[in-house]
Amino acid sequence: MSHISTAVEYALHTLLYIIDLPDDAAAPSSKDLATLRALPVKFMAGVTTKLNKAGIVVATEGMRGGIRLARPAEEISFYDVVIAVDGQKALFDCRNVRHACPLYGQTPPAWATSGVCGIHAVMLEADARMKDVLKARTLRDMADHAATRVPAEFREETRIWLENRSQTRRRTSSSLEGIAKSAEMTEVKICQK
């Protein structure tokens, strides 16, 4: 079993798409991002909600809404994303099994139970080091690394795909608003008669 969930992995990959989103560009929706990653919309919405509550993204609802980073990518660490999606959890959960040796009888000797268990100490150190690494790496680091590996053409195709999805969503929203206004006008005319 993995210590860090697959949801964190999907969150990080998905955040790549919005890291360098220009201010004037339409923000992708949860549905757009889910489609792009071939994920269930409900799953992506859950991840997005957690990222929003943690202040990593700003999610605006509605047909014209979308998802943007809440602060610069260099200020958001991998650790921030892990905590937002998975919550706080220790790498190791010590159960003090050193107390339960049948050779000790009912009362284990003091030397067997005093101080921090050597195994627990190693696990605490591993946990601290893992957190240090996750805190030291930012979304900007991830985006810069991806830029060296992902061809510029693919990044541009992705940007265009997201923009087209957003434009379609906006056109649909405008059409629905037009229908609603038309229905209101018809209702007003009927009431006036």
C-alpha atoms as a PDB file:
ATOM      1  CA  MET A   1       0.000   0.000   0.000  1.00  0.00           C
ATOM      2  CA  SER A   2       1.255   3.424  -0.942  1.00  0.00           C
ATOM      3  CA  HIS A   3       1.746   6.055   1.747  1.00  0.00           C
ATOM      4  CA  ILE A   4       0.793   8.884  -0.618  1.00  0.00           C
ATOM      5  CA  SER A   5      -2.434   8.294  -2.522  1.00  0.00           C
ATOM      6  CA  THR A   6      -3.001   8.159  -6.245  1.00  0.00           C
ATOM      7  CA  ALA A   7      -5.292  11.170  -5.768  1.00  0.00           C
ATOM      8  CA  VAL A   8      -2.191  13.226  -4.890  1.00  0.00           C
ATOM      9  CA  GLU A   9      -0.489  12.040  -8.067  1.00  0.00           C
ATOM     10  CA  TYR A  10      -3.515  13.047 -10.144  1.00  0.00           C
ATOM     11  CA  ALA A  11      -3.731  16.383  -8.336  1.00  0.00           C
ATOM     12  CA  LEU A  12      -0.099  17.188  -9.117  1.00  0.00           C
ATOM     13  CA  HIS A  13      -0.421  16.164 -12.775  1.00  0.00           C
ATOM     14  CA  THR A  14      -3.619  18.166 -13.110  1.00  0.00           C
ATOM     15  CA  LEU A  15      -2.085  21.260 -11.510  1.00  0.00           C
ATOM     16  CA  LEU A  16       0.519  21.238 -14.291  1.00  0.00           C
ATOM     17  CA  TYR A  17      -2.206  22.380 -16.687  1.00  0.00           C
ATOM     18  CA  ILE A  18      -3.023  25.524 -14.732  1.00  0.00           C
ATOM     19  CA  ILE A  19       0.399  26.584 -13.427  1.00  0.00           C
ATOM     20  CA  ASP A  20       1.197  28.918 -16.302  1.00  0.00           C
ATOM     21  CA  LEU A  21      -2.371  29.858 -17.190  1.00  0.00           C
ATOM     22  CA  PRO A  22      -2.325  33.495 -18.366  1.00  0.00           C
ATOM     23  CA  ASP A  23      -4.536  35.881 -16.388  1.00  0.00           C
ATOM     24  CA  ASP A  24      -6.628  36.642 -19.477  1.00  0.00           C
ATOM     25  CA  ALA A  25      -7.117  32.970 -20.402  1.00  0.00           C
ATOM     26  CA  ALA A  26     -10.304  31.145 -19.518  1.00  0.00           C
ATOM     27  CA  ALA A  27      -9.783  28.859 -16.549  1.00  0.00           C
ATOM     28  CA  PRO A  28     -10.540  25.162 -17.090  1.00  0.00           C
ATOM     29  CA  SER A  29     -13.365  23.555 -15.154  1.00  0.00           C
ATOM     30  CA  SER A  30     -13.126  20.430 -13.018  1.00  0.00           C
ATOM     31  CA  LYS A  31     -14.912  18.617 -15.814  1.00  0.00           C
ATOM     32  CA  ASP A  32     -12.364  19.842 -18.387  1.00  0.00           C
ATOM     33  CA  LEU A  33      -9.477  18.692 -16.211  1.00  0.00           C
ATOM     34  CA  ALA A  34     -11.152  15.347 -15.514  1.00  0.00           C
ATOM     35  CA  THR A  35     -11.691  14.775 -19.230  1.00  0.00           C
ATOM     36  CA  LEU A  36      -8.104  15.723 -19.998  1.00  0.00           C
ATOM     37  CA  ARG A  37      -6.812  13.199 -17.435  1.00  0.00           C
ATOM     38  CA  ALA A  38      -9.457  10.542 -18.317  1.00  0.00           C
ATOM     39  CA  LEU A  39     -10.797  10.632 -14.757  1.00  0.00           C
ATOM     40  CA  PRO A  40     -14.334  10.488 -13.420  1.00  0.00           C
ATOM     41  CA  VAL A  41     -15.677  14.036 -13.036  1.00  0.00           C
ATOM     42  CA  LYS A  42     -16.826  13.319  -9.467  1.00  0.00           C
ATOM     43  CA  PHE A  43     -13.303  12.197  -8.494  1.00  0.00           C
ATOM     44  CA  MET A  44     -11.723  15.327  -9.983  1.00  0.00           C
ATOM     45  CA  ALA A  45     -14.331  17.533  -8.323  1.00  0.00           C
ATOM     46  CA  GLY A  46     -13.444  15.970  -4.966  1.00  0.00           C
ATOM     47  CA  VAL A  47      -9.736  16.613  -5.500  1.00  0.00           C
ATOM     48  CA  THR A  48     -10.429  20.168  -6.652  1.00  0.00           C
ATOM     49  CA  THR A  49     -12.599  20.818  -3.597  1.00  0.00           C
ATOM     50  CA  LYS A  50      -9.770  19.708  -1.296  1.00  0.00           C
ATOM     51  CA  LEU A  51      -7.251  21.896  -3.148  1.00  0.00           C
ATOM     52  CA  ASN A  52      -9.665  24.832  -2.945  1.00  0.00           C
ATOM     53  CA  LYS A  53     -10.242  24.391   0.811  1.00  0.00           C
ATOM     54  CA  ALA A  54      -6.469  24.305   1.328  1.00  0.00           C
ATOM     55  CA  GLY A  55      -6.000  27.578  -0.571  1.00  0.00           C
ATOM     56  CA  ILE A  56      -4.011  25.974  -3.386  1.00  0.00           C
ATOM     57  CA  VAL A  57      -6.562  26.743  -6.085  1.00  0.00           C
ATOM     58  CA  VAL A  58      -9.444  29.132  -6.450  1.00  0.00           C
ATOM     59  CA  ALA A  59     -12.476  27.412  -7.914  1.00  0.00           C
ATOM     60  CA  THR A  60     -15.218  29.558  -9.376  1.00  0.00           C
ATOM     61  CA  GLU A  61     -18.538  27.816  -9.989  1.00  0.00           C
ATOM     62  CA  GLY A  62     -20.762  28.073 -13.016  1.00  0.00           C
ATOM     63  CA  MET A  63     -20.458  27.811 -16.768  1.00  0.00           C
ATOM     64  CA  ARG A  64     -18.020  30.728 -16.833  1.00  0.00           C
ATOM     65  CA  GLY A  65     -16.127  29.539 -13.786  1.00  0.00           C
ATOM     66  CA  GLY A  66     -12.963  27.537 -13.611  1.00  0.00           C
ATOM     67  CA  ILE A  67      -9.911  26.645 -11.601  1.00  0.00           C
ATOM     68  CA  ARG A  68      -6.787  28.749 -11.110  1.00  0.00           C
ATOM     69  CA  LEU A  69      -3.875  28.654  -8.712  1.00  0.00           C
ATOM     70  CA  ALA A  70      -4.609  30.690  -5.596  1.00  0.00           C
ATOM     71  CA  ARG A  71      -0.999  31.836  -5.308  1.00  0.00           C
ATOM     72  CA  PRO A  72       2.207  31.634  -7.362  1.00  0.00           C
ATOM     73  CA  ALA A  73       3.474  28.136  -8.186  1.00  0.00           C
ATOM     74  CA  GLU A  74       6.771  28.845  -6.404  1.00  0.00           C
ATOM     75  CA  GLU A  75       4.836  29.255  -3.145  1.00  0.00           C
ATOM     76  CA  ILE A  76       3.024  25.906  -3.344  1.00  0.00           C
ATOM     77  CA  SER A  77       5.021  22.866  -2.277  1.00  0.00           C
ATOM     78  CA  PHE A  78       4.416  19.209  -2.998  1.00  0.00           C
ATOM     79  CA  TYR A  79       3.857  18.894   0.752  1.00  0.00           C
ATOM     80  CA  ASP A  80       1.020  21.442   0.553  1.00  0.00           C
ATOM     81  CA  VAL A  81      -0.687  19.309  -2.101  1.00  0.00           C
ATOM     82  CA  VAL A  82      -0.134  16.046  -0.190  1.00  0.00           C
ATOM     83  CA  ILE A  83      -1.633  17.521   2.984  1.00  0.00           C
ATOM     84  CA  ALA A  84      -4.529  19.085   1.066  1.00  0.00           C
ATOM     85  CA  VAL A  85      -5.498  15.832  -0.648  1.00  0.00           C
ATOM     86  CA  ASP A  86      -4.497  13.131   1.859  1.00  0.00           C
ATOM     87  CA  GLY A  87      -4.468  15.049   5.132  1.00  0.00           C
ATOM     88  CA  GLN A  88      -1.872  14.711   7.886  1.00  0.00           C
ATOM     89  CA  LYS A  89      -0.690  11.176   8.420  1.00  0.00           C
ATOM     90  CA  ALA A  90       2.474   9.665   9.797  1.00  0.00           C
ATOM     91  CA  LEU A  91       4.676   7.418   7.699  1.00  0.00           C
ATOM     92  CA  PHE A  92       4.776   4.903  10.550  1.00  0.00           C
ATOM     93  CA  ASP A  93       2.302   4.096  13.293  1.00  0.00           C
ATOM     94  CA  CYS A  94       4.281   2.584  16.176  1.00  0.00           C
ATOM     95  CA  ARG A  95       2.284  -0.054  18.067  1.00  0.00           C
ATOM     96  CA  ASN A  96       4.910  -0.607  20.781  1.00  0.00           C
ATOM     97  CA  VAL A  97       5.206  -4.271  19.879  1.00  0.00           C
ATOM     98  CA  ARG A  98       8.455  -4.398  21.845  1.00  0.00           C
ATOM     99  CA  HIS A  99       6.296  -4.631  25.003  1.00  0.00           C
ATOM    100  CA  ALA A 100       4.640  -7.849  23.879  1.00  0.00           C
ATOM    101  CA  CYS A 101       7.317 -10.518  24.181  1.00  0.00           C
ATOM    102  CA  PRO A 102       6.147 -13.719  25.941  1.00  0.00           C
ATOM    103  CA  LEU A 103       9.617 -14.126  27.490  1.00  0.00           C
ATOM    104  CA  TYR A 104       9.006 -10.991  29.573  1.00  0.00           C
ATOM    105  CA  GLY A 105       6.014 -12.507  31.324  1.00  0.00           C
ATOM    106  CA  GLN A 106       3.409 -10.047  32.544  1.00  0.00           C
ATOM    107  CA  THR A 107       5.866  -7.199  33.116  1.00  0.00           C
ATOM    108  CA  PRO A 108       8.460  -6.310  30.484  1.00  0.00           C
ATOM    109  CA  PRO A 109      11.815  -5.136  31.869  1.00  0.00           C
ATOM    110  CA  ALA A 110      12.539  -1.394  31.904  1.00  0.00           C
ATOM    111  CA  TRP A 111      15.397  -1.772  29.409  1.00  0.00           C
ATOM    112  CA  ALA A 112      12.898  -3.182  26.874  1.00  0.00           C
ATOM    113  CA  THR A 113      10.377  -0.374  27.201  1.00  0.00           C
ATOM    114  CA  SER A 114      12.216   2.804  28.160  1.00  0.00           C
ATOM    115  CA  GLY A 115      13.095   5.508  25.681  1.00  0.00           C
ATOM    116  CA  VAL A 116      12.233   5.668  22.026  1.00  0.00           C
ATOM    117  CA  CYS A 117      12.294   2.340  20.236  1.00  0.00           C
ATOM    118  CA  GLY A 118      15.189   2.151  17.752  1.00  0.00           C
ATOM    119  CA  ILE A 119      12.809   1.111  14.978  1.00  0.00           C
ATOM    120  CA  HIS A 120      10.454   3.976  15.762  1.00  0.00           C
ATOM    121  CA  ALA A 121      13.406   6.411  15.766  1.00  0.00           C
ATOM    122  CA  VAL A 122      14.396   5.354  12.231  1.00  0.00           C
ATOM    123  CA  MET A 123      10.804   5.714  11.052  1.00  0.00           C
ATOM    124  CA  LEU A 124      10.519   9.189  12.624  1.00  0.00           C
ATOM    125  CA  GLU A 125      13.709  10.233  10.821  1.00  0.00           C
ATOM    126  CA  ALA A 126      12.423   8.829   7.518  1.00  0.00           C
ATOM    127  CA  ASP A 127       9.135  10.692   7.984  1.00  0.00           C
ATOM    128  CA  ALA A 128      10.959  13.961   8.712  1.00  0.00           C
ATOM    129  CA  ARG A 129      13.234  13.579   5.674  1.00  0.00           C
ATOM    130  CA  MET A 130      10.314  12.766   3.393  1.00  0.00           C
ATOM    131  CA  LYS A 131       8.474  15.884   4.602  1.00  0.00           C
ATOM    132  CA  ASP A 132      11.615  17.984   4.087  1.00  0.00           C
ATOM    133  CA  VAL A 133      11.912  16.814   0.466  1.00  0.00           C
ATOM    134  CA  LEU A 134       8.212  17.433  -0.222  1.00  0.00           C
ATOM    135  CA  LYS A 135       8.423  20.895   1.356  1.00  0.00           C
ATOM    136  CA  ALA A 136      11.526  21.769  -0.692  1.00  0.00           C
ATOM    137  CA  ARG A 137       9.924  21.003  -4.073  1.00  0.00           C
ATOM    138  CA  THR A 138       7.353  23.399  -5.510  1.00  0.00           C
ATOM    139  CA  LEU A 139       4.852  23.374  -8.323  1.00  0.00           C
ATOM    140  CA  ARG A 140       7.205  25.741 -10.166  1.00  0.00           C
ATOM    141  CA  ASP A 141       9.965  23.116  -9.917  1.00  0.00           C
ATOM    142  CA  MET A 142       7.547  20.547 -11.338  1.00  0.00           C
ATOM    143  CA  ALA A 143       6.497  22.823 -14.208  1.00  0.00           C
ATOM    144  CA  ASP A 144      10.091  23.715 -15.053  1.00  0.00           C
ATOM    145  CA  HIS A 145      11.035  20.032 -15.109  1.00  0.00           C
ATOM    146  CA  ALA A 146       8.021  19.172 -17.282  1.00  0.00           C
ATOM    147  CA  ALA A 147       8.955  21.959 -19.707  1.00  0.00           C
ATOM    148  CA  THR A 148      12.277  20.219 -20.361  1.00  0.00           C
ATOM    149  CA  ARG A 149      10.570  16.900 -21.134  1.00  0.00           C
ATOM    150  CA  VAL A 150       7.223  17.713 -22.734  1.00  0.00           C
ATOM    151  CA  PRO A 151       7.496  19.057 -26.296  1.00  0.00           C
ATOM    152  CA  ALA A 152       6.345  22.660 -26.725  1.00  0.00           C
ATOM    153  CA  GLU A 153       3.915  21.515 -29.449  1.00  0.00           C
ATOM    154  CA  PHE A 154       2.128  19.204 -27.024  1.00  0.00           C
ATOM    155  CA  ARG A 155       1.939  21.913 -24.365  1.00  0.00           C
ATOM    156  CA  GLU A 156       0.428  24.261 -26.956  1.00  0.00           C
ATOM    157  CA  GLU A 157      -2.061  21.605 -28.142  1.00  0.00           C
ATOM    158  CA  THR A 158      -3.131  21.099 -24.531  1.00  0.00           C
ATOM    159  CA  ARG A 159      -3.554  24.840 -23.995  1.00  0.00           C
ATOM    160  CA  ILE A 160      -5.661  25.106 -27.165  1.00  0.00           C
ATOM    161  CA  TRP A 161      -7.757  22.072 -26.174  1.00  0.00           C
ATOM    162  CA  LEU A 162      -8.503  23.601 -22.767  1.00  0.00           C
ATOM    163  CA  GLU A 163      -9.277  26.976 -24.346  1.00  0.00           C
ATOM    164  CA  ASN A 164     -11.685  25.352 -26.822  1.00  0.00           C
ATOM    165  CA  ARG A 165     -13.444  23.512 -23.983  1.00  0.00           C
ATOM    166  CA  SER A 166     -13.796  26.782 -22.107  1.00  0.00           C
ATOM    167  CA  GLN A 167     -15.125  28.609 -25.169  1.00  0.00           C
ATOM    168  CA  THR A 168     -17.687  25.847 -25.732  1.00  0.00           C
ATOM    169  CA  ARG A 169     -18.752  26.114 -22.092  1.00  0.00           C
ATOM    170  CA  ARG A 170     -19.101  29.894 -22.423  1.00  0.00           C
ATOM    171  CA  ARG A 171     -21.106  29.645 -25.653  1.00  0.00           C
ATOM    172  CA  THR A 172     -23.418  27.138 -23.981  1.00  0.00           C
ATOM    173  CA  SER A 173     -23.763  29.480 -21.015  1.00  0.00           C
ATOM    174  CA  SER A 174     -24.569  32.426 -23.296  1.00  0.00           C
ATOM    175  CA  SER A 175     -27.150  30.351 -25.189  1.00  0.00           C
ATOM    176  CA  LEU A 176     -28.803  29.286 -21.948  1.00  0.00           C
ATOM    177  CA  GLU A 177     -28.847  32.890 -20.723  1.00  0.00           C
ATOM    178  CA  GLY A 178     -30.461  33.935 -24.010  1.00  0.00           C
ATOM    179  CA  ILE A 179     -33.123  31.250 -23.670  1.00  0.00           C
ATOM    180  CA  ALA A 180     -33.793  32.312 -20.073  1.00  0.00           C
ATOM    181  CA  LYS A 181     -34.132  35.992 -21.083  1.00  0.00           C
ATOM    182  CA  SER A 182     -36.444  35.046 -23.928  1.00  0.00           C
ATOM    183  CA  ALA A 183     -38.599  33.010 -21.541  1.00  0.00           C
ATOM    184  CA  GLU A 184     -38.713  35.954 -19.104  1.00  0.00           C
ATOM    185  CA  MET A 185     -39.803  38.330 -21.869  1.00  0.00           C
ATOM    186  CA  THR A 186     -42.524  35.918 -22.965  1.00  0.00           C
ATOM    187  CA  GLU A 187     -43.711  35.617 -19.367  1.00  0.00           C
ATOM    188  CA  VAL A 188     -43.789  39.412 -18.985  1.00  0.00           C
ATOM    189  CA  LYS A 189     -45.821  39.787 -22.204  1.00  0.00           C
ATOM    190  CA  ILE A 190     -48.293  37.127 -21.073  1.00  0.00           C
ATOM    191  CA  CYS A 191     -48.664  38.818 -17.673  1.00  0.00           C
ATOM    192  CA  GLN A 192     -49.267  42.194 -19.333  1.00  0.00           C
ATOM    193  CA  LYS A 193     -52.150  40.850 -21.421  1.00  0.00           C
END
